[in-house]
Protein backbone atom coordinates (compact mmCIF):
# COMPACT_ATOMS: atom_id res chain seq x y z
CA MET A 1 0.02 -0.04 0.04
CA LYS A 2 1.30 3.37 -1.01
CA LYS A 3 2.17 5.87 1.75
CA LYS A 4 0.56 9.20 1.47
CA TRP A 5 0.57 12.38 3.56
CA TRP A 6 -3.20 12.32 4.05
CA LYS A 7 -3.07 8.82 5.24
CA GLU A 8 -0.78 9.75 8.13
CA ALA A 9 -2.74 12.93 8.84
CA VAL A 10 -5.52 13.68 11.49
CA VAL A 11 -8.12 16.06 10.10
CA TYR A 12 -10.00 18.74 12.18
CA GLN A 13 -13.29 19.97 10.79
CA ILE A 14 -14.30 23.60 11.42
CA TYR A 15 -17.81 25.02 11.13
CA PRO A 16 -16.61 28.61 10.82
CA ARG A 17 -19.95 30.36 11.80
CA SER A 18 -19.72 28.67 15.18
CA PHE A 19 -15.90 28.40 15.80
CA LYS A 20 -14.52 31.74 16.79
CA ASP A 21 -15.88 35.31 16.28
CA SER A 22 -13.06 37.92 15.88
CA ASN A 23 -15.13 41.13 15.51
CA GLY A 24 -18.01 40.81 18.06
CA ASP A 25 -20.85 40.41 15.71
CA GLY A 26 -21.90 37.09 17.13
CA ILE A 27 -20.82 35.21 13.95
CA GLY A 28 -17.67 33.14 13.58
CA ASP A 29 -15.40 34.16 10.86
CA LEU A 30 -11.95 33.44 9.04
CA ASN A 31 -10.03 35.68 11.30
CA GLY A 32 -11.46 33.83 14.31
CA VAL A 33 -10.07 30.58 12.79
CA MET A 34 -6.74 32.33 12.43
CA GLU A 35 -6.75 33.23 16.12
CA LYS A 36 -7.12 29.46 16.93
CA LEU A 37 -4.48 27.99 14.70
CA ASP A 38 -2.09 27.52 17.56
CA TYR A 39 -4.78 25.58 19.49
CA LEU A 40 -5.10 23.18 16.57
CA VAL A 41 -1.23 22.75 16.50
CA GLU A 42 -1.33 22.01 20.31
CA LEU A 43 -4.04 19.36 19.74
CA GLY A 44 -1.82 17.65 17.12
CA ILE A 45 -3.84 18.39 13.94
CA ASP A 46 -2.42 18.12 10.48
CA VAL A 47 -5.19 19.11 8.18
CA ILE A 48 -7.95 21.56 8.74
CA TRP A 49 -11.22 21.25 6.69
CA ILE A 50 -13.28 24.47 6.67
CA CYS A 51 -17.11 24.26 5.83
CA PRO A 52 -18.22 26.87 3.27
CA MET A 53 -17.27 30.40 3.77
CA TYR A 54 -18.19 31.38 0.22
CA LYS A 55 -20.48 34.25 -0.61
CA SER A 56 -24.10 33.05 0.24
CA PRO A 57 -27.48 34.24 1.40
CA ASN A 58 -27.15 31.62 4.13
CA ILE A 59 -30.43 29.91 3.79
CA ASP A 60 -28.35 26.71 4.62
CA ASN A 61 -25.42 28.41 6.30
CA GLY A 62 -23.23 28.59 3.41
CA TYR A 63 -24.05 25.45 1.55
CA ASP A 64 -26.26 27.66 -0.73
CA ILE A 65 -23.45 29.48 -2.64
CA SER A 66 -24.11 32.66 -4.67
CA ASP A 67 -20.40 33.03 -5.75
CA PHE A 68 -17.90 30.18 -5.50
CA GLN A 69 -14.94 32.64 -5.71
CA ASP A 70 -15.79 35.17 -3.15
CA ILE A 71 -16.26 35.19 0.66
CA MET A 72 -19.48 35.81 2.54
CA GLU A 73 -19.39 39.23 4.18
CA GLU A 74 -19.77 38.14 7.71
CA MET A 75 -16.72 35.60 7.26
CA GLY A 76 -14.21 38.22 5.96
CA THR A 77 -12.64 38.64 2.64
CA LEU A 78 -10.34 36.94 0.22
CA ASP A 79 -7.48 38.68 1.69
CA ASP A 80 -8.40 37.26 5.08
CA PHE A 81 -8.62 33.87 3.43
CA ASP A 82 -5.20 34.21 1.90
CA ARG A 83 -3.74 35.13 5.30
CA LEU A 84 -5.39 32.10 6.78
CA LEU A 85 -4.00 29.81 4.14
CA ASP A 86 -0.59 31.11 4.76
CA GLY A 87 -0.87 30.77 8.46
CA VAL A 88 -1.88 27.32 8.19
CA HIS A 89 0.95 26.40 5.95
CA LYS A 90 3.49 28.19 7.99
CA ARG A 91 2.37 26.06 10.97
CA GLY A 92 3.08 22.85 8.95
CA MET A 93 -0.70 22.15 8.43
CA LYS A 94 -2.76 21.78 5.32
CA LEU A 95 -6.17 23.28 4.43
CA ILE A 96 -9.02 21.71 2.56
CA LEU A 97 -12.32 23.40 1.71
CA ASP A 98 -15.90 22.17 1.04
CA LEU A 99 -16.51 21.81 -2.67
CA VAL A 100 -20.40 22.14 -3.37
CA LEU A 101 -20.87 20.66 -6.85
CA ASN A 102 -24.59 19.50 -6.64
CA HIS A 103 -26.26 22.78 -6.35
CA THR A 104 -25.97 26.50 -6.06
CA SER A 105 -28.01 29.38 -4.35
CA ASP A 106 -30.94 30.61 -6.35
CA GLU A 107 -29.25 33.94 -5.99
CA HIS A 108 -26.16 32.72 -8.02
CA PRO A 109 -25.80 34.56 -11.32
CA TRP A 110 -25.92 31.30 -13.22
CA PHE A 111 -29.47 30.53 -11.77
CA ILE A 112 -30.58 34.16 -12.25
CA GLU A 113 -29.74 33.78 -15.85
CA SER A 114 -31.14 30.28 -16.21
CA ARG A 115 -34.56 31.25 -14.79
CA SER A 116 -34.80 34.48 -16.84
CA SER A 117 -36.14 32.73 -19.97
CA LEU A 118 -36.61 29.48 -21.77
CA ASP A 119 -34.06 30.27 -24.34
CA ASN A 120 -31.27 31.68 -22.03
CA PRO A 121 -27.86 30.12 -22.79
CA LYS A 122 -27.64 28.94 -19.19
CA ARG A 123 -31.17 27.55 -19.15
CA ASP A 124 -29.92 23.98 -19.25
CA TRP A 125 -27.30 24.66 -16.47
CA TYR A 126 -30.16 23.57 -14.08
CA VAL A 127 -32.88 20.94 -14.17
CA TRP A 128 -36.18 22.31 -15.43
CA ARG A 129 -39.40 20.24 -16.20
CA GLU A 130 -42.91 21.10 -17.35
CA GLU A 131 -44.35 18.65 -14.95
CA PRO A 132 -42.70 17.68 -11.55
CA THR A 133 -42.26 14.14 -10.02
CA ASN A 134 -43.47 13.33 -6.70
CA TRP A 135 -39.87 13.14 -5.27
CA GLU A 136 -39.38 14.33 -1.76
CA SER A 137 -36.60 16.81 -0.85
CA ILE A 138 -33.89 15.52 1.44
CA PHE A 139 -34.87 18.60 3.56
CA SER A 140 -38.62 17.51 3.48
CA GLY A 141 -41.48 18.53 1.24
CA PRO A 142 -41.46 18.49 -2.63
CA ALA A 143 -38.16 18.35 -4.57
CA TRP A 144 -39.52 20.69 -7.33
CA THR A 145 -40.50 24.31 -7.16
CA PHE A 146 -42.62 26.20 -9.64
CA ASP A 147 -41.11 29.36 -11.26
CA GLU A 148 -43.59 31.97 -12.30
CA THR A 149 -41.24 33.61 -14.85
CA THR A 150 -41.09 30.67 -17.31
CA ARG A 151 -43.93 28.66 -15.90
CA GLN A 152 -41.75 25.49 -15.33
CA TYR A 153 -40.46 23.66 -12.29
CA TYR A 154 -36.84 23.31 -11.08
CA LEU A 155 -35.20 20.57 -9.16
CA HIS A 156 -33.71 21.02 -5.63
CA LEU A 157 -32.83 17.86 -3.63
CA TYR A 158 -32.21 20.21 -0.66
CA ALA A 159 -33.90 23.58 0.23
CA GLU A 160 -36.05 25.39 -2.26
CA LYS A 161 -33.41 28.14 -2.62
CA GLN A 162 -30.72 25.48 -3.50
CA PRO A 163 -31.37 24.53 -7.07
CA ASP A 164 -29.60 21.50 -8.47
CA VAL A 165 -27.08 22.15 -11.48
CA ASN A 166 -27.33 19.91 -14.47
CA TRP A 167 -24.31 17.81 -14.74
CA GLU A 168 -25.40 16.52 -18.17
CA ASN A 169 -24.37 20.11 -19.57
CA PRO A 170 -20.63 20.09 -20.71
CA ASP A 171 -20.55 24.03 -20.24
CA LEU A 172 -21.79 23.79 -16.78
CA ARG A 173 -19.13 21.08 -15.97
CA ARG A 174 -16.40 23.05 -17.51
CA ALA A 175 -17.41 26.09 -15.22
CA LEU A 176 -17.06 23.99 -12.23
CA TYR A 177 -13.75 22.69 -13.16
CA ASP A 178 -12.47 26.01 -13.83
CA MET A 179 -13.74 27.10 -10.34
CA THR A 180 -12.17 24.22 -8.73
CA ASN A 181 -8.76 24.85 -10.26
CA TRP A 182 -8.91 28.42 -9.28
CA TRP A 183 -8.79 27.36 -5.52
CA LEU A 184 -6.18 24.70 -6.29
CA ASP A 185 -4.01 27.30 -7.90
CA LYS A 186 -4.50 29.39 -4.76
CA GLY A 187 -2.72 26.65 -2.77
CA VAL A 188 -5.60 24.83 -0.98
CA ASP A 189 -4.72 21.19 -0.22
CA GLY A 190 -7.86 19.40 -1.24
CA PHE A 191 -11.61 19.20 -0.85
CA ARG A 192 -14.42 17.48 0.86
CA LEU A 193 -16.94 17.03 -1.88
CA ASP A 194 -20.44 17.87 -0.58
CA ALA A 195 -23.22 15.54 -1.60
CA ILE A 196 -21.29 14.22 -4.56
CA SER A 197 -23.20 10.99 -4.91
CA HIS A 198 -26.24 12.90 -5.95
CA ILE A 199 -24.83 14.84 -9.01
CA LYS A 200 -26.25 12.16 -11.53
CA LYS A 201 -30.10 11.81 -11.61
CA ASP A 202 -32.26 9.22 -13.27
CA TYR A 203 -35.31 10.74 -14.86
CA SER A 204 -36.62 7.43 -16.52
CA ASN A 205 -40.07 6.10 -15.41
CA MET A 206 -40.77 9.16 -13.32
CA PRO A 207 -43.74 8.68 -10.99
CA ASN A 208 -47.00 10.62 -11.55
CA PRO A 209 -46.96 13.77 -9.49
CA LYS A 210 -50.74 13.43 -8.89
CA GLY A 211 -50.30 9.85 -7.84
CA ARG A 212 -49.64 9.97 -4.12
CA GLY A 213 -47.72 11.86 -1.48
CA TYR A 214 -44.04 12.83 -1.81
CA VAL A 215 -41.62 9.86 -2.04
CA PRO A 216 -37.88 9.83 -1.18
CA ALA A 217 -36.90 8.26 -4.60
CA TRP A 218 -33.27 7.68 -3.48
CA GLU A 219 -32.52 5.19 -6.32
CA LYS A 220 -33.39 7.98 -8.76
CA MET A 221 -31.03 10.66 -7.24
CA THR A 222 -28.23 8.64 -5.45
CA ASP A 223 -25.21 6.93 -6.98
CA VAL A 224 -26.94 6.71 -10.27
CA GLU A 225 -25.49 4.62 -13.06
CA GLY A 226 -22.99 7.00 -15.12
CA ILE A 227 -22.00 9.04 -12.19
CA LEU A 228 -18.49 7.66 -12.35
CA ASP A 229 -18.10 9.05 -15.80
CA PHE A 230 -18.63 12.47 -14.42
CA LEU A 231 -16.28 11.86 -11.48
CA LYS A 232 -13.46 10.55 -13.57
CA GLU A 233 -13.75 13.57 -15.83
CA LEU A 234 -13.80 15.74 -12.62
CA ARG A 235 -10.57 14.15 -11.30
CA GLU A 236 -8.74 14.29 -14.62
CA GLU A 237 -9.47 17.93 -15.11
CA THR A 238 -8.81 19.01 -11.58
CA PHE A 239 -7.35 16.98 -8.65
CA ALA A 240 -5.12 14.71 -10.62
CA ARG A 241 -2.91 17.55 -11.64
CA TYR A 242 -2.12 18.44 -7.85
CA ASP A 243 -0.91 16.75 -4.79
CA VAL A 244 -4.14 17.04 -2.79
CA MET A 245 -6.54 14.98 -0.73
CA THR A 246 -10.32 14.36 -1.70
CA VAL A 247 -12.96 12.88 0.48
CA GLY A 248 -16.49 12.56 -0.80
CA GLU A 249 -19.77 12.65 1.04
CA ALA A 250 -21.21 9.64 -0.65
CA ASN A 251 -24.45 8.70 0.67
CA GLY A 252 -25.69 5.42 -0.95
CA VAL A 253 -22.30 4.18 -2.01
CA THR A 254 -21.55 0.68 -0.76
CA THR A 255 -18.50 -1.55 0.00
CA ASP A 256 -19.18 -3.29 -3.30
CA GLU A 257 -18.13 -0.17 -5.11
CA ILE A 258 -15.03 0.69 -2.98
CA ASP A 259 -12.51 -0.13 -5.88
CA GLU A 260 -14.33 2.09 -8.42
CA TRP A 261 -14.83 5.12 -6.08
CA ILE A 262 -11.68 5.02 -3.85
CA GLY A 263 -9.40 2.29 -5.10
CA GLU A 264 -5.91 3.34 -5.25
CA LYS A 265 -5.59 2.23 -9.05
CA HIS A 266 -9.04 3.21 -10.40
CA GLY A 267 -10.73 5.40 -7.67
CA VAL A 268 -12.18 8.87 -8.65
CA MET A 269 -11.25 10.36 -5.21
CA ASP A 270 -9.05 9.30 -2.17
CA MET A 271 -11.68 8.51 0.55
CA LEU A 272 -15.39 8.78 1.14
CA PHE A 273 -17.73 9.21 4.11
CA GLN A 274 -20.01 6.30 4.39
CA PHE A 275 -23.53 6.74 5.79
CA GLU A 276 -24.38 3.27 7.11
CA THR A 277 -23.52 4.04 10.61
CA TRP A 278 -26.10 6.88 10.61
CA TYR A 279 -28.96 4.47 10.14
CA LEU A 280 -28.12 2.28 13.25
CA ARG A 281 -30.49 4.25 15.26
CA LYS A 282 -33.83 5.53 14.12
CA PRO A 283 -34.58 9.29 14.84
CA ASP A 284 -37.22 8.46 17.62
CA GLU A 285 -35.19 5.87 19.40
CA PRO A 286 -33.50 6.55 22.64
CA CYS A 287 -29.70 7.08 22.85
CA GLY A 288 -27.25 4.28 22.54
CA VAL A 289 -25.91 2.16 19.73
CA ASN A 290 -26.31 -1.41 18.67
CA VAL A 291 -22.72 -2.44 19.17
CA ASP A 292 -22.98 -5.62 17.14
CA ALA A 293 -24.41 -3.84 14.16
CA LEU A 294 -21.66 -1.17 14.54
CA LYS A 295 -19.05 -3.94 14.47
CA GLY A 296 -20.59 -5.43 11.41
CA VAL A 297 -20.71 -2.16 9.41
CA LEU A 298 -17.37 -0.76 10.27
CA THR A 299 -15.59 -4.22 9.94
CA ARG A 300 -17.03 -4.53 6.45
CA TRP A 301 -15.76 -1.21 5.43
CA GLN A 302 -12.20 -2.04 7.12
CA GLU A 303 -12.02 -5.29 5.43
CA ALA A 304 -13.26 -4.22 1.94
CA ALA A 305 -10.82 -1.38 1.82
CA GLN A 306 -7.77 -3.22 3.16
CA GLY A 307 -4.90 -3.22 0.80
CA ILE A 308 -6.72 -1.62 -2.13
CA SER A 309 -8.17 1.79 -0.81
CA TRP A 310 -8.50 4.12 2.38
CA ASN A 311 -11.20 4.85 4.84
CA ALA A 312 -12.33 8.07 6.11
CA LEU A 313 -13.00 7.73 9.87
CA TYR A 314 -15.40 9.81 11.61
CA VAL A 315 -18.31 9.88 14.23
CA GLU A 316 -19.37 13.52 14.20
CA ASN A 317 -19.75 16.30 11.73
CA HIS A 318 -21.87 19.39 11.07
CA ASP A 319 -24.86 17.30 9.88
CA ARG A 320 -25.12 14.93 13.00
CA SER A 321 -26.09 15.64 16.54
CA ARG A 322 -23.33 15.13 19.17
CA ILE A 323 -22.16 11.53 19.46
CA VAL A 324 -21.92 11.52 23.19
CA SER A 325 -25.60 12.34 23.42
CA THR A 326 -26.70 9.78 20.77
CA TRP A 327 -24.27 6.90 21.14
CA GLY A 328 -22.94 7.53 24.67
CA ASP A 329 -24.25 8.86 28.03
CA ASP A 330 -23.94 12.64 28.21
CA LYS A 331 -25.05 12.70 31.97
CA VAL A 332 -23.59 9.91 34.28
CA TYR A 333 -20.75 8.69 31.96
CA TRP A 334 -20.17 11.87 30.02
CA ARG A 335 -16.40 11.88 29.99
CA GLU A 336 -16.09 8.14 29.77
CA SER A 337 -18.42 7.59 26.95
CA ALA A 338 -17.09 10.51 24.88
CA THR A 339 -13.56 9.17 25.01
CA ALA A 340 -14.78 5.30 24.54
CA VAL A 341 -16.28 6.28 21.24
CA GLY A 342 -13.24 8.18 20.36
CA PHE A 343 -10.96 5.13 21.00
CA MET A 344 -13.39 2.88 19.12
CA TYR A 345 -13.04 4.75 15.78
CA PHE A 346 -9.83 6.70 15.86
CA PHE A 347 -7.33 3.85 15.66
CA MET A 348 -8.84 1.98 12.71
CA GLN A 349 -7.28 1.89 9.33
CA GLY A 350 -7.95 5.17 7.72
CA THR A 351 -7.60 8.92 8.16
CA PRO A 352 -9.43 10.14 11.37
CA PHE A 353 -11.70 13.32 11.28
CA ILE A 354 -12.42 15.20 14.47
CA TYR A 355 -15.36 17.70 14.36
CA GLN A 356 -15.02 20.94 16.29
CA GLY A 357 -16.00 20.41 20.04
CA GLN A 358 -15.86 16.63 19.75
CA GLU A 359 -12.33 16.81 21.35
CA ILE A 360 -13.95 18.32 24.48
CA GLY A 361 -17.04 16.07 24.48
CA MET A 362 -19.50 18.69 23.55
CA THR A 363 -23.18 17.55 23.97
CA ASN A 364 -26.63 18.18 22.53
CA ALA A 365 -28.12 21.50 23.65
CA PRO A 366 -31.23 21.30 25.84
CA PHE A 367 -33.27 23.38 23.51
CA GLU A 368 -36.95 22.78 24.22
CA ASP A 369 -38.71 25.32 22.02
CA ILE A 370 -38.78 25.22 18.20
CA VAL A 371 -37.85 29.00 18.07
CA LEU A 372 -34.36 28.19 19.42
CA TYR A 373 -33.60 26.06 16.27
CA HIS A 374 -32.19 27.76 13.01
CA ASP A 375 -31.41 24.89 10.80
CA VAL A 376 -33.50 24.87 7.63
CA LYS A 377 -33.60 21.09 7.60
CA THR A 378 -34.91 21.00 11.20
CA LEU A 379 -37.44 23.72 10.52
CA ASN A 380 -38.70 22.20 7.33
CA PHE A 381 -39.02 18.70 9.11
CA TYR A 382 -41.16 20.43 11.89
CA ARG A 383 -43.38 22.26 9.30
CA TYR A 384 -44.00 19.27 7.14
CA LYS A 385 -44.59 16.80 9.95
CA LYS A 386 -47.02 19.26 11.61
CA ALA A 387 -48.84 19.57 8.24
CA GLU A 388 -49.06 15.74 8.14
CA GLY A 389 -50.73 15.71 11.54
CA MET A 390 -47.92 14.56 13.85
CA ALA A 391 -48.19 15.85 17.35
CA HIS A 392 -45.83 18.70 18.39
CA GLU A 393 -44.43 16.71 21.20
CA ALA A 394 -43.55 13.71 18.96
CA ILE A 395 -41.75 16.15 16.48
CA MET A 396 -39.83 17.83 19.20
CA LYS A 397 -38.65 14.62 20.64
CA MET A 398 -37.03 13.72 17.45
CA ILE A 399 -35.59 17.33 16.97
CA LYS A 400 -34.15 17.33 20.44
CA MET A 401 -32.24 14.28 19.67
CA ASN A 402 -31.31 14.73 16.07
CA SER A 403 -31.30 18.26 14.93
CA ARG A 404 -28.18 19.51 13.09
CA ASP A 405 -28.14 22.59 15.30
CA HIS A 406 -26.71 20.44 18.10
CA SER A 407 -23.47 20.20 16.42
CA ARG A 408 -23.57 23.92 15.39
CA THR A 409 -23.88 25.50 18.87
CA PRO A 410 -20.86 27.86 19.36
CA MET A 411 -17.53 26.32 20.42
CA GLN A 412 -17.01 26.41 24.18
CA TRP A 413 -13.52 27.95 24.80
CA GLN A 414 -14.20 29.13 28.31
CA GLY A 415 -16.77 29.24 31.21
CA GLU A 416 -17.44 33.03 31.10
CA GLY A 417 -19.32 35.49 28.95
CA TYR A 418 -20.36 33.92 25.85
CA GLY A 419 -18.10 31.02 26.22
CA GLY A 420 -15.09 32.87 24.73
CA PHE A 421 -16.64 32.47 21.34
CA SER A 422 -17.79 36.10 21.05
CA THR A 423 -18.04 39.44 23.03
CA SER A 424 -21.84 39.60 21.99
CA LYS A 425 -24.82 37.32 21.75
CA PRO A 426 -24.13 34.54 19.26
CA TRP A 427 -26.22 33.84 16.17
CA LEU A 428 -27.23 30.48 17.82
CA ASP A 429 -27.60 30.08 21.65
CA LEU A 430 -24.73 28.54 23.48
CA ASN A 431 -25.21 25.17 25.08
CA PRO A 432 -25.74 26.19 28.84
CA ASN A 433 -23.10 23.70 29.99
CA TYR A 434 -20.31 25.87 28.58
CA THR A 435 -19.72 27.12 32.17
CA TRP A 436 -18.03 23.83 33.01
CA LEU A 437 -17.55 22.10 29.55
CA ASN A 438 -14.92 24.08 27.90
CA VAL A 439 -11.44 24.09 26.53
CA GLU A 440 -9.98 26.25 29.25
CA ALA A 441 -11.18 24.01 32.01
CA GLN A 442 -10.13 20.79 30.32
CA ARG A 443 -6.63 21.94 29.54
CA GLN A 444 -5.87 21.89 33.19
CA ASN A 445 -7.15 18.32 33.79
CA PRO A 446 -4.83 15.38 32.60
CA PHE A 447 -7.75 12.99 32.38
CA SER A 448 -10.11 15.27 30.43
CA VAL A 449 -11.61 14.54 27.00
CA PHE A 450 -9.25 17.15 25.45
CA ASN A 451 -6.16 15.68 26.96
CA LEU A 452 -7.13 12.19 26.01
CA TYR A 453 -7.71 13.12 22.40
CA LYS A 454 -4.22 14.69 22.50
CA GLN A 455 -2.73 11.43 23.78
CA MET A 456 -4.69 9.55 21.07
CA ILE A 457 -3.29 11.74 18.30
CA ALA A 458 0.15 11.41 19.66
CA LEU A 459 -0.06 7.71 20.01
CA ARG A 460 -1.20 7.36 16.29
CA LYS A 461 1.71 9.53 15.20
CA GLU A 462 4.17 7.53 17.27
CA LYS A 463 3.12 4.13 15.90
CA GLU A 464 3.05 3.52 12.10
CA VAL A 465 1.17 0.21 12.93
CA LEU A 466 -1.82 2.37 13.85
CA VAL A 467 -1.78 3.91 10.53
CA TYR A 468 -0.78 1.29 7.91
CA GLY A 469 -1.24 -1.93 9.98
CA THR A 470 -4.05 -4.46 9.11
CA TYR A 471 -7.37 -4.50 10.97
CA LYS A 472 -8.99 -7.52 12.47
CA LEU A 473 -11.92 -7.77 14.71
CA PHE A 474 -10.92 -9.11 18.23
CA LYS A 475 -13.71 -11.35 19.80
CA THR A 476 -14.63 -11.01 23.47
CA TRP A 477 -17.54 -12.48 25.43
CA TYR A 478 -19.48 -9.17 25.56
CA ALA A 479 -21.70 -7.63 22.76
CA CYS A 480 -21.06 -4.30 24.24
CA VAL A 481 -17.25 -4.41 23.86
CA TYR A 482 -15.91 -3.40 20.45
CA ALA A 483 -12.36 -4.77 20.19
CA TYR A 484 -9.88 -5.08 17.22
CA THR A 485 -6.28 -5.34 16.57
CA ARG A 486 -3.84 -3.49 14.21
CA GLU A 487 -0.83 -5.46 13.20
CA ASP A 488 2.12 -4.97 10.73
CA GLU A 489 5.47 -6.98 10.54
CA LYS A 490 6.90 -5.39 13.77
CA GLU A 491 3.94 -4.67 16.12
CA LYS A 492 0.55 -5.72 17.25
CA VAL A 493 -1.87 -3.42 19.14
CA LEU A 494 -5.25 -4.24 20.56
CA ILE A 495 -7.92 -1.61 21.03
CA LEU A 496 -10.94 -2.23 23.24
CA SER A 497 -13.98 0.11 23.91
CA ASN A 498 -16.82 -0.79 26.23
CA LEU A 499 -19.68 1.09 24.62
CA LYS A 500 -22.29 0.51 27.31
CA ASP A 501 -22.76 1.29 31.08
CA GLU A 502 -22.13 -2.37 31.95
CA LEU A 503 -19.15 -3.93 33.91
CA CYS A 504 -17.42 -6.65 31.94
CA ALA A 505 -15.00 -9.24 33.25
CA TRP A 506 -11.64 -8.89 31.54
CA SER A 507 -8.09 -10.17 31.71
CA PRO A 508 -5.58 -8.76 29.26
CA PRO A 509 -3.64 -11.15 27.08
CA GLU A 510 -0.47 -12.56 28.41
CA GLY A 511 2.38 -10.02 28.12
CA ALA A 512 0.04 -7.07 27.07
CA VAL A 513 1.41 -3.63 27.89
CA LEU A 514 -1.09 -0.87 28.56
CA LEU A 515 -0.41 2.11 26.40
CA LEU A 516 -3.55 4.16 26.93
CA CYS A 517 -6.74 4.06 29.19
CA ASN A 518 -9.62 6.44 29.41
CA TYR A 519 -9.87 5.73 33.18
CA GLY A 520 -6.25 6.69 33.78
CA ALA A 521 -5.25 3.33 35.24
CA GLU A 522 -6.74 -0.21 34.33
CA ASP A 523 -8.61 -2.55 36.59
CA PRO A 524 -6.92 -5.86 35.92
CA TYR A 525 -9.97 -7.89 36.34
CA SER A 526 -12.70 -5.78 34.54
CA LEU A 527 -13.74 -3.30 31.95
CA ARG A 528 -15.79 -0.59 33.63
CA PRO A 529 -18.75 1.13 32.03
CA TYR A 530 -17.54 3.06 28.83
CA GLU A 531 -13.91 1.97 29.54
CA ALA A 532 -11.57 2.04 26.68
CA ARG A 533 -7.87 0.78 26.43
CA VAL A 534 -5.02 0.34 24.04
CA TYR A 535 -2.57 -2.44 24.56
CA GLN A 536 0.71 -3.29 23.03
CA LEU A 537 0.63 -7.12 22.41
CA LYS A 538 3.37 -9.69 21.97
CA LYS A 539 4.18 -10.51 18.26
């Protein structure tokens, strides 16, 4: 297997609107990111991924882009971006951006032209139809919106103000490639490709719009046959010309397709984010995770990629609620479960991604009222479920567990004022637990979530086996314990995570040496609730 810089890296995802406000307007910005670069160096980060900071009306917090080659006003300027990129590189880190190629804002000049008339040269840069299908938007409600000017419907898999571009049009593709190369020529080190498995659609046998309610026709809009031709062209015209990393948000792609998507010989990108672990718990189920099912999904991805491709390892991002509040226990065993989940995924074969606040164990916010939520997906969900007759209490139960706003509350730097995020009221309310759950407090505690993440990162950098070694599931007597080994020609390491509040009898293998434990010291006879350990084993 080839060695690559991005395989050995640890990536930190920044949601800039909620990371650090430098000018006191309550909104995070690029200069705020600049202020915290040394914090990321302290943590041990190699690559920073910044969510969209492009010019945008912010219907979907930057994922609705009105100008791909400018910065939204509240985030700063292109000069600010250039200084940030330089600051990242001077500290020995790399910077990747979100690349949104499935849709634009309806305020993008391309769409303004496209909707202006039926014969506009850019009309075919978007998807227009005389009659809609009954497809459901990923953000709830219909995926087609009627436009009064030309009396046709346009497609939007996400919000109404996020029209999908038409990848069948070669001029549109050329414009996207030119924009991508513009950023690469600036010196960015790669991209996370947003919603990339949706760029090809299947319009054959479209259902009757008058037939029945809206249906999520995923097979018509996800990983459709022919998408790889587009992605091969994208790679050849852009990424293949530079030494960069690419990771695709690839809902619907399976392990059977690994070689085509991310294979070292034939792949169209370097890594992808799989979605199978998202579906292990339904939106209305209580917190916790089916550990056996988790082992099955992650082991399948590990084994399928072994020797031919590379995994992207993650448990949190800007589209998921906080992992300690969903898979763990954010009350009794907050610190232990936050780090047990961390140990579980971080040492697998692949590149680990950490989402801002994950490294201090940030939790879901206790927002009881719908007016406290800002996310367009959450608000659409509430509106459409209410229209369908679902009770307010049932809708709020799901929102309080699953809203994307939980991962977007401002970063908790300190326990005073507005959590060190801003000098004024933030755009989204802080989680009230910032008074005790914050970076400043955890820096002082050697057993904090923050310091355990630092140790995890340091251990992975120290041991090549934790990067390139083979993965093998390690069987224990307990369904709640996720255990696996990493092994190469020189070393063998065992990672165990108890992912429940259960006490499990345990004796380490003969000659095992404890390298790391989230309880500080091990109990030689048991694994305590949410206890995680890393052992050096005899070869």
